[in-house]
Structures are given as C-alpha cells and as structure tokens.
Amino acid sequence: SVEGLFENFPARKQFLKRSSAESSQCRQIFIEKALAW
C-alpha cells in the first residue's frame, strides 16, 4: 500500500495532473501488463 504520494516532495507533486488524468495513466499501465501476461 502506497499512500500520500509526494506529500514530502512538493516539487514533484505540483507537476501531477488531475486525478482523472493520473487514473487514465494508471489504467494504461495496468492494461499493458495484462496484455503481456
């Protein structure tokens, strides 16, 4: 379990996109792994 990503690293957190965009990227990685296996 990973919680509070980049909370202690504000310089990185400010470049994150909206949650919907980040969800879409996570979904893409999930699909890529599922395709390969």
PDB file of all heavy atoms in Angstrom:
ATOM      1  N   SER A   1       0.844  -1.197   0.000  1.00  0.00           N
ATOM      2  CA  SER A   1       0.000   0.000   0.000  1.00  0.00           C
ATOM      3  C   SER A   1       0.877   1.243   0.000  1.00  0.00           C
ATOM      4  O   SER A   1       1.823   1.346   0.799  1.00  0.00           O
ATOM      5  CB  SER A   1      -0.916   0.029   1.233  1.00  0.00           C
ATOM      6  OG  SER A   1      -1.784  -1.075   1.225  1.00  0.00           O
ATOM      7  N   VAL A   2       0.554   2.181  -0.912  1.00  0.00           N
ATOM      8  CA  VAL A   2       1.308   3.426  -1.036  1.00  0.00           C
ATOM      9  C   VAL A   2       0.320   4.572  -0.840  1.00  0.00           C
ATOM     10  O   VAL A   2      -0.608   4.739  -1.639  1.00  0.00           O
ATOM     11  CB  VAL A   2       1.989   3.526  -2.419  1.00  0.00           C
ATOM     12  CG1 VAL A   2       2.719   4.855  -2.558  1.00  0.00           C
ATOM     13  CG2 VAL A   2       2.947   2.359  -2.619  1.00  0.00           C
ATOM     14  N   GLU A   3       0.522   5.372   0.199  1.00  0.00           N
ATOM     15  CA  GLU A   3      -0.387   6.478   0.490  1.00  0.00           C
ATOM     16  C   GLU A   3       0.373   7.804   0.490  1.00  0.00           C
ATOM     17  O   GLU A   3       1.569   7.846   0.758  1.00  0.00           O
ATOM     18  CB  GLU A   3      -1.058   6.271   1.857  1.00  0.00           C
ATOM     19  CG  GLU A   3      -1.917   5.021   1.931  1.00  0.00           C
ATOM     20  CD  GLU A   3      -2.591   4.890   3.283  1.00  0.00           C
ATOM     21  OE1 GLU A   3      -2.370   5.755   4.149  1.00  0.00           O
ATOM     22  OE2 GLU A   3      -3.353   3.922   3.471  1.00  0.00           O
ATOM     23  N   GLY A   4      -0.374   8.872   0.182  1.00  0.00           N
ATOM     24  CA  GLY A   4       0.214  10.210   0.234  1.00  0.00           C
ATOM     25  C   GLY A   4       1.422  10.382  -0.665  1.00  0.00           C
ATOM     26  O   GLY A   4       2.453  10.928  -0.243  1.00  0.00           O
ATOM     27  N   LEU A   5       1.289   9.972  -1.902  1.00  0.00           N
ATOM     28  CA  LEU A   5       2.418  10.047  -2.826  1.00  0.00           C
ATOM     29  C   LEU A   5       2.891  11.495  -3.013  1.00  0.00           C
ATOM     30  O   LEU A   5       2.086  12.383  -3.304  1.00  0.00           O
ATOM     31  CB  LEU A   5       2.019   9.451  -4.184  1.00  0.00           C
ATOM     32  CG  LEU A   5       3.127   9.306  -5.231  1.00  0.00           C
ATOM     33  CD1 LEU A   5       4.208   8.341  -4.741  1.00  0.00           C
ATOM     34  CD2 LEU A   5       2.546   8.819  -6.561  1.00  0.00           C
ATOM     35  N   PHE A   6       4.157  11.730  -2.833  1.00  0.00           N
ATOM     36  CA  PHE A   6       4.846  13.021  -2.995  1.00  0.00           C
ATOM     37  C   PHE A   6       4.422  14.075  -1.966  1.00  0.00           C
ATOM     38  O   PHE A   6       4.701  15.262  -2.150  1.00  0.00           O
ATOM     39  CB  PHE A   6       4.655  13.591  -4.412  1.00  0.00           C
ATOM     40  CG  PHE A   6       5.197  12.718  -5.503  1.00  0.00           C
ATOM     41  CD1 PHE A   6       4.439  12.455  -6.631  1.00  0.00           C
ATOM     42  CD2 PHE A   6       6.461  12.173  -5.408  1.00  0.00           C
ATOM     43  CE1 PHE A   6       4.925  11.653  -7.653  1.00  0.00           C
ATOM     44  CE2 PHE A   6       6.965  11.364  -6.422  1.00  0.00           C
ATOM     45  CZ  PHE A   6       6.196  11.098  -7.547  1.00  0.00           C
ATOM     46  N   GLU A   7       3.771  13.664  -0.881  1.00  0.00           N
ATOM     47  CA  GLU A   7       3.431  14.640   0.155  1.00  0.00           C
ATOM     48  C   GLU A   7       4.684  15.271   0.764  1.00  0.00           C
ATOM     49  O   GLU A   7       4.678  16.434   1.162  1.00  0.00           O
ATOM     50  CB  GLU A   7       2.596  13.979   1.260  1.00  0.00           C
ATOM     51  CG  GLU A   7       1.129  13.845   0.919  1.00  0.00           C
ATOM     52  CD  GLU A   7       0.321  13.296   2.079  1.00  0.00           C
ATOM     53  OE1 GLU A   7       0.942  12.996   3.137  1.00  0.00           O
ATOM     54  OE2 GLU A   7      -0.910  13.160   1.947  1.00  0.00           O
ATOM     55  N   ASN A   8       5.759  14.495   0.839  1.00  0.00           N
ATOM     56  CA  ASN A   8       7.012  15.011   1.376  1.00  0.00           C
ATOM     57  C   ASN A   8       7.946  15.506   0.276  1.00  0.00           C
ATOM     58  O   ASN A   8       9.140  15.719   0.517  1.00  0.00           O
ATOM     59  CB  ASN A   8       7.722  13.932   2.206  1.00  0.00           C
ATOM     60  CG  ASN A   8       8.082  12.712   1.352  1.00  0.00           C
ATOM     61  OD1 ASN A   8       7.591  12.564   0.236  1.00  0.00           O
ATOM     62  ND2 ASN A   8       8.941  11.849   1.883  1.00  0.00           N
ATOM     63  N   PHE A   9       7.400  15.653  -0.926  1.00  0.00           N
ATOM     64  CA  PHE A   9       8.220  16.086  -2.071  1.00  0.00           C
ATOM     65  C   PHE A   9       7.362  17.048  -2.906  1.00  0.00           C
ATOM     66  O   PHE A   9       6.979  16.745  -4.035  1.00  0.00           O
ATOM     67  CB  PHE A   9       8.629  14.877  -2.894  1.00  0.00           C
ATOM     68  CG  PHE A   9       9.792  15.107  -3.825  1.00  0.00           C
ATOM     69  CD1 PHE A   9      10.332  14.047  -4.540  1.00  0.00           C
ATOM     70  CD2 PHE A   9      10.364  16.363  -4.009  1.00  0.00           C
ATOM     71  CE1 PHE A   9      11.396  14.225  -5.404  1.00  0.00           C
ATOM     72  CE2 PHE A   9      11.424  16.554  -4.864  1.00  0.00           C
ATOM     73  CZ  PHE A   9      11.947  15.490  -5.565  1.00  0.00           C
ATOM     74  N   PRO A  10       7.050  18.246  -2.374  1.00  0.00           N
ATOM     75  CA  PRO A  10       6.140  19.182  -3.057  1.00  0.00           C
ATOM     76  C   PRO A  10       6.593  19.558  -4.463  1.00  0.00           C
ATOM     77  O   PRO A  10       5.763  19.795  -5.349  1.00  0.00           O
ATOM     78  CB  PRO A  10       6.141  20.403  -2.131  1.00  0.00           C
ATOM     79  CG  PRO A  10       6.558  19.876  -0.798  1.00  0.00           C
ATOM     80  CD  PRO A  10       7.513  18.763  -1.075  1.00  0.00           C
ATOM     81  N   ALA A  11       7.913  19.607  -4.693  1.00  0.00           N
ATOM     82  CA  ALA A  11       8.409  19.984  -6.022  1.00  0.00           C
ATOM     83  C   ALA A  11       7.949  18.996  -7.088  1.00  0.00           C
ATOM     84  O   ALA A  11       7.731  19.377  -8.243  1.00  0.00           O
ATOM     85  CB  ALA A  11       9.937  20.050  -5.999  1.00  0.00           C
ATOM     86  N   ARG A  12       7.775  17.724  -6.697  1.00  0.00           N
ATOM     87  CA  ARG A  12       7.291  16.733  -7.645  1.00  0.00           C
ATOM     88  C   ARG A  12       5.768  16.731  -7.709  1.00  0.00           C
ATOM     89  O   ARG A  12       5.184  16.604  -8.783  1.00  0.00           O
ATOM     90  CB  ARG A  12       7.786  15.349  -7.225  1.00  0.00           C
ATOM     91  CG  ARG A  12       7.278  14.188  -8.062  1.00  0.00           C
ATOM     92  CD  ARG A  12       7.894  14.152  -9.436  1.00  0.00           C
ATOM     93  NE  ARG A  12       9.349  13.972  -9.366  1.00  0.00           N
ATOM     94  CZ  ARG A  12      10.138  13.916 -10.434  1.00  0.00           C
ATOM     95  NH1 ARG A  12       9.607  14.038 -11.638  1.00  0.00           N
ATOM     96  NH2 ARG A  12      11.435  13.767 -10.303  1.00  0.00           N
ATOM     97  N   LYS A  13       5.129  16.922  -6.562  1.00  0.00           N
ATOM     98  CA  LYS A  13       3.674  16.816  -6.507  1.00  0.00           C
ATOM     99  C   LYS A  13       2.990  17.893  -7.334  1.00  0.00           C
ATOM    100  O   LYS A  13       1.919  17.665  -7.911  1.00  0.00           O
ATOM    101  CB  LYS A  13       3.199  16.891  -5.054  1.00  0.00           C
ATOM    102  CG  LYS A  13       1.712  16.603  -4.896  1.00  0.00           C
ATOM    103  CD  LYS A  13       1.308  16.505  -3.443  1.00  0.00           C
ATOM    104  CE  LYS A  13      -0.167  16.137  -3.317  1.00  0.00           C
ATOM    105  NZ  LYS A  13      -0.580  15.998  -1.912  1.00  0.00           N
ATOM    106  N   GLN A  14       3.591  19.085  -7.419  1.00  0.00           N
ATOM    107  CA  GLN A  14       2.936  20.175  -8.135  1.00  0.00           C
ATOM    108  C   GLN A  14       2.830  19.925  -9.639  1.00  0.00           C
ATOM    109  O   GLN A  14       2.067  20.597 -10.328  1.00  0.00           O
ATOM    110  CB  GLN A  14       3.702  21.482  -7.882  1.00  0.00           C
ATOM    111  CG  GLN A  14       5.088  21.538  -8.491  1.00  0.00           C
ATOM    112  CD  GLN A  14       5.775  22.875  -8.272  1.00  0.00           C
ATOM    113  OE1 GLN A  14       5.095  23.870  -8.057  1.00  0.00           O
ATOM    114  NE2 GLN A  14       7.098  22.891  -8.324  1.00  0.00           N
ATOM    115  N   PHE A  15       3.589  18.941 -10.136  1.00  0.00           N
ATOM    116  CA  PHE A  15       3.534  18.642 -11.573  1.00  0.00           C
ATOM    117  C   PHE A  15       2.570  17.500 -11.901  1.00  0.00           C
ATOM    118  O   PHE A  15       2.430  17.124 -13.069  1.00  0.00           O
ATOM    119  CB  PHE A  15       4.931  18.296 -12.099  1.00  0.00           C
ATOM    120  CG  PHE A  15       5.840  19.492 -12.198  1.00  0.00           C
ATOM    121  CD1 PHE A  15       6.781  19.753 -11.216  1.00  0.00           C
ATOM    122  CD2 PHE A  15       5.729  20.365 -13.263  1.00  0.00           C
ATOM    123  CE1 PHE A  15       7.612  20.862 -11.303  1.00  0.00           C
ATOM    124  CE2 PHE A  15       6.546  21.477 -13.366  1.00  0.00           C
ATOM    125  CZ  PHE A  15       7.492  21.730 -12.381  1.00  0.00           C
ATOM    126  N   LEU A  16       1.924  16.948 -10.870  1.00  0.00           N
ATOM    127  CA  LEU A  16       0.939  15.915 -11.149  1.00  0.00           C
ATOM    128  C   LEU A  16      -0.285  16.533 -11.810  1.00  0.00           C
ATOM    129  O   LEU A  16      -0.625  17.691 -11.585  1.00  0.00           O
ATOM    130  CB  LEU A  16       0.523  15.216  -9.849  1.00  0.00           C
ATOM    131  CG  LEU A  16       1.606  14.391  -9.148  1.00  0.00           C
ATOM    132  CD1 LEU A  16       1.043  13.782  -7.871  1.00  0.00           C
ATOM    133  CD2 LEU A  16       2.147  13.297 -10.064  1.00  0.00           C
ATOM    134  N   LYS A  17      -0.971  15.737 -12.627  1.00  0.00           N
ATOM    135  CA  LYS A  17      -2.157  16.206 -13.333  1.00  0.00           C
ATOM    136  C   LYS A  17      -3.408  15.925 -12.505  1.00  0.00           C
ATOM    137  O   LYS A  17      -3.335  15.422 -11.390  1.00  0.00           O
ATOM    138  CB  LYS A  17      -2.246  15.528 -14.700  1.00  0.00           C
ATOM    139  CG  LYS A  17      -1.055  15.849 -15.595  1.00  0.00           C
ATOM    140  CD  LYS A  17      -1.180  15.170 -16.935  1.00  0.00           C
ATOM    141  CE  LYS A  17       0.012  15.509 -17.835  1.00  0.00           C
ATOM    142  NZ  LYS A  17      -0.074  14.858 -19.161  1.00  0.00           N
ATOM    143  N   ARG A  18      -4.555  16.265 -13.074  1.00  0.00           N
ATOM    144  CA  ARG A  18      -5.816  15.991 -12.394  1.00  0.00           C
ATOM    145  C   ARG A  18      -5.943  14.496 -12.108  1.00  0.00           C
ATOM    146  O   ARG A  18      -5.376  13.662 -12.825  1.00  0.00           O
ATOM    147  CB  ARG A  18      -6.993  16.465 -13.235  1.00  0.00           C
ATOM    148  CG  ARG A  18      -7.018  17.955 -13.505  1.00  0.00           C
ATOM    149  CD  ARG A  18      -8.337  18.340 -14.177  1.00  0.00           C
ATOM    150  NE  ARG A  18      -8.629  17.488 -15.316  1.00  0.00           N
ATOM    151  CZ  ARG A  18      -8.185  17.703 -16.543  1.00  0.00           C
ATOM    152  NH1 ARG A  18      -7.396  18.742 -16.797  1.00  0.00           N
ATOM    153  NH2 ARG A  18      -8.530  16.890 -17.522  1.00  0.00           N
ATOM    154  N   SER A  19      -6.721  14.167 -11.097  1.00  0.00           N
ATOM    155  CA  SER A  19      -6.840  12.758 -10.712  1.00  0.00           C
ATOM    156  C   SER A  19      -7.353  11.898 -11.864  1.00  0.00           C
ATOM    157  O   SER A  19      -6.946  10.742 -12.016  1.00  0.00           O
ATOM    158  CB  SER A  19      -7.753  12.617  -9.496  1.00  0.00           C
ATOM    159  OG  SER A  19      -9.064  13.057  -9.792  1.00  0.00           O
ATOM    160  N   SER A  20      -8.243  12.437 -12.697  1.00  0.00           N
ATOM    161  CA  SER A  20      -8.761  11.660 -13.830  1.00  0.00           C
ATOM    162  C   SER A  20      -7.660  11.323 -14.821  1.00  0.00           C
ATOM    163  O   SER A  20      -7.613  10.211 -15.367  1.00  0.00           O
ATOM    164  CB  SER A  20      -9.880  12.433 -14.531  1.00  0.00           C
ATOM    165  OG  SER A  20      -9.409  13.683 -15.011  1.00  0.00           O
ATOM    166  N   ALA A  21      -6.752  12.288 -15.046  1.00  0.00           N
ATOM    167  CA  ALA A  21      -5.640  12.042 -15.965  1.00  0.00           C
ATOM    168  C   ALA A  21      -4.671  11.029 -15.383  1.00  0.00           C
ATOM    169  O   ALA A  21      -4.168  10.140 -16.094  1.00  0.00           O
ATOM    170  CB  ALA A  21      -4.925  13.348 -16.282  1.00  0.00           C
ATOM    171  N   GLU A  22      -4.395  11.132 -14.082  1.00  0.00           N
ATOM    172  CA  GLU A  22      -3.491  10.177 -13.448  1.00  0.00           C
ATOM    173  C   GLU A  22      -4.127   8.783 -13.416  1.00  0.00           C
ATOM    174  O   GLU A  22      -3.435   7.772 -13.623  1.00  0.00           O
ATOM    175  CB  GLU A  22      -3.134  10.637 -12.036  1.00  0.00           C
ATOM    176  CG  GLU A  22      -2.357  11.940 -11.976  1.00  0.00           C
ATOM    177  CD  GLU A  22      -0.984  11.864 -12.642  1.00  0.00           C
ATOM    178  OE1 GLU A  22      -0.500  10.746 -12.907  1.00  0.00           O
ATOM    179  OE2 GLU A  22      -0.398  12.928 -12.901  1.00  0.00           O
ATOM    180  N   SER A  23      -5.435   8.720 -13.197  1.00  0.00           N
ATOM    181  CA  SER A  23      -6.137   7.430 -13.238  1.00  0.00           C
ATOM    182  C   SER A  23      -6.009   6.789 -14.608  1.00  0.00           C
ATOM    183  O   SER A  23      -5.814   5.575 -14.734  1.00  0.00           O
ATOM    184  CB  SER A  23      -7.614   7.611 -12.889  1.00  0.00           C
ATOM    185  OG  SER A  23      -7.795   7.958 -11.550  1.00  0.00           O
ATOM    186  N   SER A  24      -6.130   7.616 -15.645  1.00  0.00           N
ATOM    187  CA  SER A  24      -6.014   7.109 -17.008  1.00  0.00           C
ATOM    188  C   SER A  24      -4.634   6.522 -17.262  1.00  0.00           C
ATOM    189  O   SER A  24      -4.494   5.471 -17.909  1.00  0.00           O
ATOM    190  CB  SER A  24      -6.305   8.242 -18.004  1.00  0.00           C
ATOM    191  OG  SER A  24      -6.168   7.797 -19.332  1.00  0.00           O
ATOM    192  N   GLN A  25      -3.591   7.175 -16.738  1.00  0.00           N
ATOM    193  CA  GLN A  25      -2.238   6.659 -16.904  1.00  0.00           C
ATOM    194  C   GLN A  25      -2.057   5.340 -16.147  1.00  0.00           C
ATOM    195  O   GLN A  25      -1.422   4.398 -16.654  1.00  0.00           O
ATOM    196  CB  GLN A  25      -1.226   7.690 -16.403  1.00  0.00           C
ATOM    197  CG  GLN A  25      -1.082   8.910 -17.298  1.00  0.00           C
ATOM    198  CD  GLN A  25      -0.461   8.565 -18.641  1.00  0.00           C
ATOM    199  OE1 GLN A  25       0.416   7.722 -18.734  1.00  0.00           O
ATOM    200  NE2 GLN A  25      -0.933   9.213 -19.686  1.00  0.00           N
ATOM    201  N   CYS A  26      -2.606   5.263 -14.944  1.00  0.00           N
ATOM    202  CA  CYS A  26      -2.528   4.012 -14.185  1.00  0.00           C
ATOM    203  C   CYS A  26      -3.259   2.893 -14.924  1.00  0.00           C
ATOM    204  O   CYS A  26      -2.792   1.741 -14.974  1.00  0.00           O
ATOM    205  CB  CYS A  26      -3.122   4.199 -12.789  1.00  0.00           C
ATOM    206  SG  CYS A  26      -2.173   5.285 -11.705  1.00  0.00           S
ATOM    207  N   ARG A  27      -4.416   3.227 -15.480  1.00  0.00           N
ATOM    208  CA  ARG A  27      -5.183   2.245 -16.251  1.00  0.00           C
ATOM    209  C   ARG A  27      -4.382   1.750 -17.439  1.00  0.00           C
ATOM    210  O   ARG A  27      -4.383   0.544 -17.760  1.00  0.00           O
ATOM    211  CB  ARG A  27      -6.493   2.885 -16.719  1.00  0.00           C
ATOM    212  CG  ARG A  27      -7.350   2.047 -17.652  1.00  0.00           C
ATOM    213  CD  ARG A  27      -8.584   2.815 -18.082  1.00  0.00           C
ATOM    214  NE  ARG A  27      -9.402   2.061 -19.004  1.00  0.00           N
ATOM    215  CZ  ARG A  27      -9.209   2.022 -20.322  1.00  0.00           C
ATOM    216  NH1 ARG A  27      -8.200   2.704 -20.861  1.00  0.00           N
ATOM    217  NH2 ARG A  27     -10.019   1.320 -21.101  1.00  0.00           N
ATOM    218  N   GLN A  28      -3.664   2.657 -18.115  1.00  0.00           N
ATOM    219  CA  GLN A  28      -2.868   2.263 -19.272  1.00  0.00           C
ATOM    220  C   GLN A  28      -1.771   1.274 -18.885  1.00  0.00           C
ATOM    221  O   GLN A  28      -1.541   0.273 -19.574  1.00  0.00           O
ATOM    222  CB  GLN A  28      -2.252   3.499 -19.933  1.00  0.00           C
ATOM    223  CG  GLN A  28      -1.407   3.213 -21.163  1.00  0.00           C
ATOM    224  CD  GLN A  28      -2.197   2.594 -22.294  1.00  0.00           C
ATOM    225  OE1 GLN A  28      -3.393   2.836 -22.440  1.00  0.00           O
ATOM    226  NE2 GLN A  28      -1.536   1.781 -23.108  1.00  0.00           N
ATOM    227  N   ILE A  29      -1.086   1.551 -17.768  1.00  0.00           N
ATOM    228  CA  ILE A  29      -0.045   0.631 -17.308  1.00  0.00           C
ATOM    229  C   ILE A  29      -0.656  -0.722 -16.964  1.00  0.00           C
ATOM    230  O   ILE A  29      -0.099  -1.780 -17.309  1.00  0.00           O
ATOM    231  CB  ILE A  29       0.677   1.220 -16.077  1.00  0.00           C
ATOM    232  CG1 ILE A  29       1.470   2.466 -16.480  1.00  0.00           C
ATOM    233  CG2 ILE A  29       1.601   0.180 -15.438  1.00  0.00           C
ATOM    234  CD1 ILE A  29       2.601   2.205 -17.459  1.00  0.00           C
ATOM    235  N   PHE A  30      -1.805  -0.705 -16.302  1.00  0.00           N
ATOM    236  CA  PHE A  30      -2.491  -1.956 -15.967  1.00  0.00           C
ATOM    237  C   PHE A  30      -2.794  -2.770 -17.222  1.00  0.00           C
ATOM    238  O   PHE A  30      -2.545  -3.983 -17.271  1.00  0.00           O
ATOM    239  CB  PHE A  30      -3.785  -1.633 -15.209  1.00  0.00           C
ATOM    240  CG  PHE A  30      -4.672  -2.822 -14.973  1.00  0.00           C
ATOM    241  CD1 PHE A  30      -4.478  -3.642 -13.876  1.00  0.00           C
ATOM    242  CD2 PHE A  30      -5.702  -3.129 -15.859  1.00  0.00           C
ATOM    243  CE1 PHE A  30      -5.285  -4.749 -13.661  1.00  0.00           C
ATOM    244  CE2 PHE A  30      -6.508  -4.228 -15.659  1.00  0.00           C
ATOM    245  CZ  PHE A  30      -6.308  -5.044 -14.548  1.00  0.00           C
ATOM    246  N   ILE A  31      -3.323  -2.114 -18.241  1.00  0.00           N
ATOM    247  CA  ILE A  31      -3.677  -2.808 -19.479  1.00  0.00           C
ATOM    248  C   ILE A  31      -2.429  -3.380 -20.151  1.00  0.00           C
ATOM    249  O   ILE A  31      -2.430  -4.515 -20.653  1.00  0.00           O
ATOM    250  CB  ILE A  31      -4.428  -1.856 -20.430  1.00  0.00           C
ATOM    251  CG1 ILE A  31      -5.827  -1.587 -19.889  1.00  0.00           C
ATOM    252  CG2 ILE A  31      -4.502  -2.438 -21.840  1.00  0.00           C
ATOM    253  CD1 ILE A  31      -6.614  -0.578 -20.681  1.00  0.00           C
ATOM    254  N   GLU A  32      -1.339  -2.615 -20.168  1.00  0.00           N
ATOM    255  CA  GLU A  32      -0.105  -3.096 -20.794  1.00  0.00           C
ATOM    256  C   GLU A  32       0.402  -4.368 -20.124  1.00  0.00           C
ATOM    257  O   GLU A  32       0.824  -5.310 -20.799  1.00  0.00           O
ATOM    258  CB  GLU A  32       0.958  -2.000 -20.744  1.00  0.00           C
ATOM    259  CG  GLU A  32       0.663  -0.812 -21.650  1.00  0.00           C
ATOM    260  CD  GLU A  32       1.654   0.322 -21.448  1.00  0.00           C
ATOM    261  OE1 GLU A  32       2.645   0.126 -20.703  1.00  0.00           O
ATOM    262  OE2 GLU A  32       1.441   1.405 -22.023  1.00  0.00           O
ATOM    263  N   LYS A  33       0.381  -4.394 -18.783  1.00  0.00           N
ATOM    264  CA  LYS A  33       0.824  -5.592 -18.076  1.00  0.00           C
ATOM    265  C   LYS A  33      -0.112  -6.765 -18.358  1.00  0.00           C
ATOM    266  O   LYS A  33       0.328  -7.903 -18.553  1.00  0.00           O
ATOM    267  CB  LYS A  33       0.892  -5.335 -16.572  1.00  0.00           C
ATOM    268  CG  LYS A  33       1.903  -4.282 -16.163  1.00  0.00           C
ATOM    269  CD  LYS A  33       3.311  -4.641 -16.585  1.00  0.00           C
ATOM    270  CE  LYS A  33       4.288  -3.551 -16.197  1.00  0.00           C
ATOM    271  NZ  LYS A  33       5.654  -3.819 -16.715  1.00  0.00           N
ATOM    272  N   ALA A  34      -1.417  -6.477 -18.381  1.00  0.00           N
ATOM    273  CA  ALA A  34      -2.385  -7.537 -18.647  1.00  0.00           C
ATOM    274  C   ALA A  34      -2.233  -8.100 -20.056  1.00  0.00           C
ATOM    275  O   ALA A  34      -2.372  -9.311 -20.274  1.00  0.00           O
ATOM    276  CB  ALA A  34      -3.803  -7.008 -18.438  1.00  0.00           C
ATOM    277  N   LEU A  35      -1.935  -7.245 -21.023  1.00  0.00           N
ATOM    278  CA  LEU A  35      -1.740  -7.707 -22.394  1.00  0.00           C
ATOM    279  C   LEU A  35      -0.550  -8.661 -22.495  1.00  0.00           C
ATOM    280  O   LEU A  35      -0.602  -9.673 -23.185  1.00  0.00           O
ATOM    281  CB  LEU A  35      -1.517  -6.510 -23.321  1.00  0.00           C
ATOM    282  CG  LEU A  35      -2.716  -5.621 -23.635  1.00  0.00           C
ATOM    283  CD1 LEU A  35      -2.278  -4.415 -24.450  1.00  0.00           C
ATOM    284  CD2 LEU A  35      -3.789  -6.399 -24.385  1.00  0.00           C
ATOM    285  N   ALA A  36       0.532  -8.319 -21.807  1.00  0.00           N
ATOM    286  CA  ALA A  36       1.772  -9.085 -21.934  1.00  0.00           C
ATOM    287  C   ALA A  36       1.733 -10.413 -21.188  1.00  0.00           C
ATOM    288  O   ALA A  36       2.531 -11.303 -21.478  1.00  0.00           O
ATOM    289  CB  ALA A  36       2.944  -8.244 -21.428  1.00  0.00           C
ATOM    290  N   TRP A  37       0.792 -10.550 -20.236  1.00  0.00           N
ATOM    291  CA  TRP A  37       0.729 -11.767 -19.421  1.00  0.00           C
ATOM    292  C   TRP A  37      -0.692 -12.324 -19.433  1.00  0.00           C
ATOM    293  O   TRP A  37      -1.417 -12.266 -18.436  1.00  0.00           O
ATOM    294  CB  TRP A  37       1.191 -11.454 -17.991  1.00  0.00           C
ATOM    295  CG  TRP A  37       2.608 -10.975 -17.951  1.00  0.00           C
ATOM    296  CD1 TRP A  37       3.050  -9.685 -18.051  1.00  0.00           C
ATOM    297  CD2 TRP A  37       3.770 -11.786 -17.840  1.00  0.00           C
ATOM    298  NE1 TRP A  37       4.424  -9.645 -18.009  1.00  0.00           N
ATOM    299  CE2 TRP A  37       4.902 -10.918 -17.874  1.00  0.00           C
ATOM    300  CE3 TRP A  37       3.980 -13.163 -17.696  1.00  0.00           C
ATOM    301  CZ2 TRP A  37       6.202 -11.388 -17.780  1.00  0.00           C
ATOM    302  CZ3 TRP A  37       5.275 -13.632 -17.611  1.00  0.00           C
ATOM    303  CH2 TRP A  37       6.371 -12.758 -17.647  1.00  0.00           C
TER     304      TRP A  37
END
